[in-house]
Amino acid sequence: MSSTAPTAAPHAPKSNTIRRRWSRIREFAKAARADRQLFLASAILAVVYNLVGALDIISTVAGLQAQLGEEANPFVRLLMDNLANGWILAKLALQLLVTVMILWFPHRLVLMIFTVPVAVTAMVVWNNLQIAGMF
């Protein structure tokens, strides 16, 4: 016996849905980059983020070389244990990725989200400098 019941219409493949979503994200990012104030704010945040990140590396190395402390971040500690000084390159690569994200999609929400880790990292740098006796 054969079924004559109508079959449900097939759904659009997931790949099409993902492509549409990424297309919308690209459109939003392009519009955000076209806003000169937002792009300037994202450039400033990217510069500050990279300065604070570089100071974090410098202050961490200073504290570790003086044997005044140890790395508190378990992820960075794992990188240090497994990559020796390669952790610096890994951290710089992550900074580059974040910088590209900030500049590619300078939306207000994105900027607010990335402002938090910049502020937290600045506090870590201050703490590192105090531990190392630089302040």
Protein backbone atom coordinates (compact mmCIF):
# COMPACT_ATOMS: atom_id res chain seq x y z
CA MET A 1 0.00 0.00 0.00
CA SER A 2 1.37 3.36 -0.96
CA SER A 3 0.89 6.54 0.95
CA THR A 4 -0.71 9.46 -0.83
CA ALA A 5 -0.28 11.85 2.06
CA PRO A 6 1.47 15.06 1.07
CA THR A 7 5.05 15.33 2.15
CA ALA A 8 6.28 18.35 4.05
CA ALA A 9 8.19 20.93 2.08
CA PRO A 10 11.90 20.56 2.69
CA HIS A 11 13.53 23.21 4.85
CA ALA A 12 16.27 25.36 3.49
CA PRO A 13 19.63 23.73 4.08
CA LYS A 14 21.46 24.96 7.15
CA SER A 15 24.32 26.20 4.99
CA ASN A 16 21.95 28.69 3.32
CA THR A 17 20.75 29.93 6.69
CA ILE A 18 24.32 30.37 7.88
CA ARG A 19 25.26 32.18 4.67
CA ARG A 20 22.29 34.55 5.07
CA ARG A 21 23.25 35.27 8.68
CA TRP A 22 26.89 35.95 7.77
CA SER A 23 25.71 38.14 4.91
CA ARG A 24 23.65 40.21 7.35
CA ILE A 25 26.58 40.43 9.76
CA ARG A 26 28.82 41.64 6.93
CA GLU A 27 26.23 44.27 6.01
CA PHE A 28 25.99 45.47 9.62
CA ALA A 29 29.79 45.55 9.92
CA LYS A 30 30.11 47.54 6.70
CA ALA A 31 27.52 50.04 7.90
CA ALA A 32 29.29 50.33 11.27
CA ARG A 33 32.65 50.95 9.56
CA ALA A 34 31.03 53.66 7.42
CA ASP A 35 30.19 55.58 10.62
CA ARG A 36 33.38 57.65 11.04
CA GLN A 37 32.81 58.27 14.75
CA LEU A 38 32.38 54.58 15.47
CA PHE A 39 35.40 53.70 13.37
CA LEU A 40 37.51 56.34 15.15
CA ALA A 41 36.33 55.01 18.52
CA SER A 42 37.21 51.46 17.44
CA ALA A 43 40.67 52.58 16.26
CA ILE A 44 41.31 54.31 19.58
CA LEU A 45 40.11 51.24 21.50
CA ALA A 46 42.34 49.00 19.37
CA VAL A 47 45.39 51.18 20.05
CA VAL A 48 44.67 51.29 23.79
CA TYR A 49 44.02 47.53 23.82
CA ASN A 50 47.37 46.83 22.17
CA LEU A 51 49.26 49.24 24.43
CA VAL A 52 47.74 47.67 27.53
CA GLY A 53 48.43 44.19 26.10
CA ALA A 54 52.09 45.06 25.43
CA LEU A 55 52.42 46.49 28.94
CA ASP A 56 50.88 43.30 30.30
CA ILE A 57 53.56 41.23 28.56
CA ILE A 58 56.36 43.55 29.69
CA SER A 59 55.15 43.73 33.29
CA THR A 60 54.59 39.96 33.43
CA VAL A 61 58.09 39.23 32.12
CA ALA A 62 59.59 41.77 34.57
CA GLY A 63 57.81 40.19 37.53
CA LEU A 64 58.67 36.64 36.51
CA GLN A 65 62.32 37.39 35.80
CA ALA A 66 62.66 39.08 39.18
CA GLN A 67 60.94 36.02 40.73
CA LEU A 68 58.49 38.31 42.48
CA GLY A 69 55.38 36.40 41.53
CA GLU A 70 53.85 33.86 39.23
CA GLU A 71 51.32 33.97 36.42
CA ALA A 72 47.82 33.97 37.89
CA ASN A 73 45.94 33.32 34.64
CA PRO A 74 45.70 29.53 34.28
CA PHE A 75 45.44 29.69 30.47
CA VAL A 76 48.55 31.85 30.14
CA ARG A 77 50.32 29.64 32.72
CA LEU A 78 49.51 26.62 30.53
CA LEU A 79 50.96 28.44 27.51
CA MET A 80 54.07 29.34 29.50
CA ASP A 81 54.53 25.76 30.66
CA ASN A 82 54.14 24.31 27.17
CA LEU A 83 55.57 27.02 24.91
CA ALA A 84 58.30 28.57 27.08
CA ASN A 85 58.72 32.09 25.67
CA GLY A 86 56.34 31.21 22.83
CA TRP A 87 53.49 32.31 25.09
CA ILE A 88 54.37 35.88 24.10
CA LEU A 89 53.73 35.12 20.42
CA ALA A 90 50.49 33.34 21.31
CA LYS A 91 49.34 36.35 23.32
CA LEU A 92 50.30 38.73 20.51
CA ALA A 93 48.41 36.56 18.00
CA LEU A 94 45.32 36.72 20.19
CA GLN A 95 45.70 40.49 20.43
CA LEU A 96 45.91 40.69 16.64
CA LEU A 97 42.73 38.63 16.30
CA VAL A 98 40.86 40.85 18.76
CA THR A 99 42.16 43.99 17.04
CA VAL A 100 40.88 42.74 13.68
CA MET A 101 37.51 41.97 15.26
CA ILE A 102 37.27 45.44 16.78
CA LEU A 103 38.17 47.16 13.51
CA TRP A 104 36.07 44.88 11.30
CA PHE A 105 32.86 45.32 13.29
CA PRO A 106 33.01 48.60 15.24
CA HIS A 107 29.46 48.39 16.53
CA ARG A 108 28.69 50.17 19.82
CA LEU A 109 27.90 46.86 21.52
CA VAL A 110 31.16 45.32 20.30
CA LEU A 111 33.10 48.32 21.57
CA MET A 112 31.39 48.16 24.96
CA ILE A 113 32.11 44.44 25.23
CA PHE A 114 35.82 44.89 24.43
CA THR A 115 36.17 47.85 26.78
CA VAL A 116 35.71 45.53 29.77
CA PRO A 117 38.75 43.28 29.09
CA VAL A 118 40.85 46.35 28.32
CA ALA A 119 39.99 47.83 31.71
CA VAL A 120 40.58 44.52 33.50
CA THR A 121 43.93 44.05 31.75
CA ALA A 122 44.93 47.60 32.71
CA MET A 123 44.26 46.72 36.36
CA VAL A 124 46.35 43.55 35.97
CA VAL A 125 49.20 45.62 34.49
CA TRP A 126 49.01 48.04 37.41
CA ASN A 127 49.16 45.10 39.82
CA ASN A 128 52.10 43.55 37.93
CA LEU A 129 54.01 46.83 38.01
CA GLN A 130 53.42 47.16 41.75
CA ILE A 131 54.59 43.58 42.33
CA ALA A 132 57.69 44.20 40.23
CA GLY A 133 58.39 47.34 42.30
CA MET A 134 58.02 49.71 39.35
CA PHE A 135 55.25 51.72 41.06
